[in-house]
C-alpha atoms as a PDB file:
ATOM      1  CA  MET A   1     -53.305 -40.928 -59.850  1.00  0.00           C
ATOM      2  CA  SER A   2     -51.035 -43.595 -58.421  1.00  0.00           C
ATOM      3  CA  SER A   3     -49.810 -44.041 -54.876  1.00  0.00           C
ATOM      4  CA  LEU A   4     -46.281 -43.360 -53.620  1.00  0.00           C
ATOM      5  CA  VAL A   5     -44.352 -44.939 -50.772  1.00  0.00           C
ATOM      6  CA  ARG A   6     -44.199 -42.274 -48.073  1.00  0.00           C
ATOM      7  CA  HIS A   7     -42.227 -44.227 -45.457  1.00  0.00           C
ATOM      8  CA  VAL A   8     -40.836 -47.660 -44.908  1.00  0.00           C
ATOM      9  CA  THR A   9     -41.985 -48.598 -41.405  1.00  0.00           C
ATOM     10  CA  ILE A  10     -39.900 -50.784 -39.109  1.00  0.00           C
ATOM     11  CA  ASP A  11     -41.111 -52.250 -35.814  1.00  0.00           C
ATOM     12  CA  CYS A  12     -38.597 -51.986 -32.984  1.00  0.00           C
ATOM     13  CA  ALA A  13     -38.076 -51.781 -29.225  1.00  0.00           C
ATOM     14  CA  ASP A  14     -36.483 -48.301 -29.073  1.00  0.00           C
ATOM     15  CA  ALA A  15     -37.690 -46.103 -31.912  1.00  0.00           C
ATOM     16  CA  TYR A  16     -35.485 -43.096 -31.189  1.00  0.00           C
ATOM     17  CA  ALA A  17     -32.260 -45.067 -30.710  1.00  0.00           C
ATOM     18  CA  LEU A  18     -32.784 -47.143 -33.853  1.00  0.00           C
ATOM     19  CA  ALA A  19     -33.711 -44.020 -35.818  1.00  0.00           C
ATOM     20  CA  GLY A  20     -30.422 -42.494 -34.678  1.00  0.00           C
ATOM     21  CA  PHE A  21     -28.493 -45.487 -36.042  1.00  0.00           C
ATOM     22  CA  TRP A  22     -30.275 -45.309 -39.412  1.00  0.00           C
ATOM     23  CA  ALA A  23     -29.874 -41.529 -39.621  1.00  0.00           C
ATOM     24  CA  GLU A  24     -26.104 -42.129 -39.446  1.00  0.00           C
ATOM     25  CA  VAL A  25     -26.304 -44.932 -42.033  1.00  0.00           C
ATOM     26  CA  LEU A  26     -28.257 -42.797 -44.506  1.00  0.00           C
ATOM     27  CA  ASN A  27     -26.667 -39.426 -43.749  1.00  0.00           C
ATOM     28  CA  GLY A  28     -30.143 -38.290 -42.777  1.00  0.00           C
ATOM     29  CA  LYS A  29     -31.643 -36.831 -39.640  1.00  0.00           C
ATOM     30  CA  VAL A  30     -34.150 -37.798 -37.011  1.00  0.00           C
ATOM     31  CA  SER A  31     -37.197 -35.545 -37.228  1.00  0.00           C
ATOM     32  CA  ASP A  32     -37.057 -32.498 -34.965  1.00  0.00           C
ATOM     33  CA  ASP A  33     -40.425 -33.595 -33.554  1.00  0.00           C
ATOM     34  CA  ASP A  34     -39.024 -36.857 -32.146  1.00  0.00           C
ATOM     35  CA  ARG A  35     -37.445 -37.367 -28.720  1.00  0.00           C
ATOM     36  CA  PRO A  36     -35.983 -40.276 -26.721  1.00  0.00           C
ATOM     37  CA  GLY A  37     -38.783 -42.440 -25.342  1.00  0.00           C
ATOM     38  CA  ASP A  38     -41.279 -41.477 -28.060  1.00  0.00           C
ATOM     39  CA  PRO A  39     -43.234 -44.422 -29.466  1.00  0.00           C
ATOM     40  CA  GLU A  40     -42.190 -43.515 -33.003  1.00  0.00           C
ATOM     41  CA  ALA A  41     -39.358 -41.695 -34.747  1.00  0.00           C
ATOM     42  CA  LEU A  42     -38.908 -40.638 -38.356  1.00  0.00           C
ATOM     43  CA  VAL A  43     -35.630 -40.557 -40.265  1.00  0.00           C
ATOM     44  CA  GLU A  44     -35.681 -38.057 -43.103  1.00  0.00           C
ATOM     45  CA  SER A  45     -33.139 -38.795 -45.815  1.00  0.00           C
ATOM     46  CA  GLU A  46     -32.630 -38.506 -49.531  1.00  0.00           C
ATOM     47  CA  GLY A  47     -34.541 -41.307 -51.201  1.00  0.00           C
ATOM     48  CA  ALA A  48     -36.998 -42.607 -48.625  1.00  0.00           C
ATOM     49  CA  GLY A  49     -38.112 -41.856 -45.104  1.00  0.00           C
ATOM     50  CA  LEU A  50     -37.875 -44.572 -42.470  1.00  0.00           C
ATOM     51  CA  LEU A  51     -40.465 -44.626 -39.699  1.00  0.00           C
ATOM     52  CA  PHE A  52     -39.607 -46.587 -36.560  1.00  0.00           C
ATOM     53  CA  ILE A  53     -42.472 -47.655 -34.318  1.00  0.00           C
ATOM     54  CA  ARG A  54     -42.107 -49.192 -30.866  1.00  0.00           C
ATOM     55  CA  VAL A  55     -43.827 -52.549 -30.483  1.00  0.00           C
ATOM     56  CA  PRO A  56     -43.893 -54.830 -27.427  1.00  0.00           C
ATOM     57  CA  GLU A  57     -42.789 -58.050 -29.104  1.00  0.00           C
ATOM     58  CA  PRO A  58     -39.127 -58.688 -30.036  1.00  0.00           C
ATOM     59  CA  LYS A  59     -37.934 -59.627 -33.511  1.00  0.00           C
ATOM     60  CA  ALA A  60     -38.223 -63.395 -33.812  1.00  0.00           C
ATOM     61  CA  VAL A  61     -37.506 -64.442 -37.416  1.00  0.00           C
ATOM     62  CA  LYS A  62     -35.758 -63.263 -40.569  1.00  0.00           C
ATOM     63  CA  ASN A  63     -37.190 -60.088 -42.109  1.00  0.00           C
ATOM     64  CA  ARG A  64     -39.667 -60.632 -44.939  1.00  0.00           C
ATOM     65  CA  VAL A  65     -38.668 -57.239 -46.360  1.00  0.00           C
ATOM     66  CA  HIS A  66     -35.255 -55.630 -46.061  1.00  0.00           C
ATOM     67  CA  LEU A  67     -33.356 -52.575 -47.283  1.00  0.00           C
ATOM     68  CA  ASP A  68     -30.527 -52.723 -49.828  1.00  0.00           C
ATOM     69  CA  ILE A  69     -27.988 -49.962 -49.224  1.00  0.00           C
ATOM     70  CA  GLN A  70     -25.768 -48.675 -52.043  1.00  0.00           C
ATOM     71  CA  PRO A  71     -22.890 -46.423 -50.942  1.00  0.00           C
ATOM     72  CA  GLN A  72     -22.559 -43.223 -52.945  1.00  0.00           C
ATOM     73  CA  ASP A  73     -19.114 -41.934 -52.039  1.00  0.00           C
ATOM     74  CA  ARG A  74     -17.175 -45.012 -50.951  1.00  0.00           C
ATOM     75  CA  THR A  75     -16.785 -48.672 -51.846  1.00  0.00           C
ATOM     76  CA  ARG A  76     -19.030 -51.433 -50.614  1.00  0.00           C
ATOM     77  CA  ASP A  77     -16.273 -52.751 -48.343  1.00  0.00           C
ATOM     78  CA  GLU A  78     -15.558 -49.297 -46.902  1.00  0.00           C
ATOM     79  CA  GLU A  79     -19.269 -48.893 -46.203  1.00  0.00           C
ATOM     80  CA  VAL A  80     -19.460 -52.280 -44.496  1.00  0.00           C
ATOM     81  CA  GLU A  81     -16.594 -51.259 -42.191  1.00  0.00           C
ATOM     82  CA  ARG A  82     -18.253 -47.895 -41.444  1.00  0.00           C
ATOM     83  CA  LEU A  83     -21.555 -49.568 -40.581  1.00  0.00           C
ATOM     84  CA  LEU A  84     -19.876 -52.150 -38.363  1.00  0.00           C
ATOM     85  CA  GLY A  85     -18.328 -49.198 -36.521  1.00  0.00           C
ATOM     86  CA  LEU A  86     -21.799 -47.707 -36.011  1.00  0.00           C
ATOM     87  CA  GLY A  87     -23.030 -50.893 -34.331  1.00  0.00           C
ATOM     88  CA  ALA A  88     -24.201 -53.146 -37.166  1.00  0.00           C
ATOM     89  CA  THR A  89     -23.197 -56.810 -37.191  1.00  0.00           C
ATOM     90  CA  LEU A  90     -22.175 -58.965 -40.145  1.00  0.00           C
ATOM     91  CA  VAL A  91     -24.796 -61.675 -40.683  1.00  0.00           C
ATOM     92  CA  GLY A  92     -23.737 -63.085 -44.052  1.00  0.00           C
ATOM     93  CA  ASP A  93     -20.809 -62.343 -46.325  1.00  0.00           C
ATOM     94  CA  HIS A  94     -21.787 -62.884 -49.962  1.00  0.00           C
ATOM     95  CA  ARG A  95     -18.862 -60.940 -51.437  1.00  0.00           C
ATOM     96  CA  ASN A  96     -16.972 -62.753 -54.191  1.00  0.00           C
ATOM     97  CA  PRO A  97     -13.262 -62.679 -55.044  1.00  0.00           C
ATOM     98  CA  ASP A  98     -14.063 -60.911 -58.345  1.00  0.00           C
ATOM     99  CA  GLY A  99     -15.659 -57.975 -56.457  1.00  0.00           C
ATOM    100  CA  THR A 100     -19.297 -58.893 -57.086  1.00  0.00           C
ATOM    101  CA  GLY A 101     -21.767 -59.797 -54.363  1.00  0.00           C
ATOM    102  CA  TRP A 102     -23.029 -58.121 -51.219  1.00  0.00           C
ATOM    103  CA  ALA A 103     -22.795 -58.231 -47.444  1.00  0.00           C
ATOM    104  CA  THR A 104     -25.788 -58.854 -45.193  1.00  0.00           C
ATOM    105  CA  LEU A 105     -25.699 -56.906 -41.943  1.00  0.00           C
ATOM    106  CA  ALA A 106     -28.091 -56.451 -39.033  1.00  0.00           C
ATOM    107  CA  ASP A 107     -28.870 -53.182 -37.295  1.00  0.00           C
ATOM    108  CA  PRO A 108     -28.620 -52.935 -33.480  1.00  0.00           C
ATOM    109  CA  GLU A 109     -32.055 -54.567 -33.089  1.00  0.00           C
ATOM    110  CA  GLY A 110     -31.311 -57.419 -35.502  1.00  0.00           C
ATOM    111  CA  ASN A 111     -33.101 -56.168 -38.636  1.00  0.00           C
ATOM    112  CA  GLU A 112     -31.223 -57.442 -41.671  1.00  0.00           C
ATOM    113  CA  PHE A 113     -30.130 -55.239 -44.558  1.00  0.00           C
ATOM    114  CA  CYS A 114     -27.705 -55.647 -47.445  1.00  0.00           C
ATOM    115  CA  VAL A 115     -24.818 -53.495 -48.627  1.00  0.00           C
ATOM    116  CA  GLU A 116     -24.326 -53.615 -52.388  1.00  0.00           C
ATOM    117  CA  ARG A 117     -21.493 -52.346 -54.566  1.00  0.00           C
ATOM    118  CA  SER A 118     -21.382 -48.638 -55.330  1.00  0.00           C
ATOM    119  CA  ARG A 119     -22.304 -47.381 -58.769  1.00  0.00           C
ATOM    120  CA  ALA A 120     -18.597 -46.756 -59.513  1.00  0.00           C
ATOM    121  CA  GLU A 121     -17.781 -50.364 -58.587  1.00  0.00           C
ATOM    122  CA  ARG A 122     -20.570 -51.678 -60.825  1.00  0.00           C
ATOM    123  CA  GLU A 123     -19.393 -49.585 -63.755  1.00  0.00           C
ATOM    124  CA  GLY A 124     -15.673 -50.324 -63.236  1.00  0.00           C
END
């Protein structure tokens, strides 16, 4: 029997608030068991669960591991705009004139993640 990834765990200052941001990003939901001020919060979504855990130290350097997001029902650029509207910031723009590439964003606590092209864009 092999092991499976149950959650991807992310250290943060405000577990519930950051879980709320990622629930919007992933069209998921924060677990019904979690409340503001809790030391941890779980986002349940299709694909993988994200577990946010409050830690005392702030983020200091670039993430060693990050998430790659692939929009399912919109283009990469539309998704980037949606995420910026949710509170993400653009960290690096690696989009190319021919439509390839990705955008690197940061969530409200500075954790980097990338937005790739949708499947339709890759196939088109």
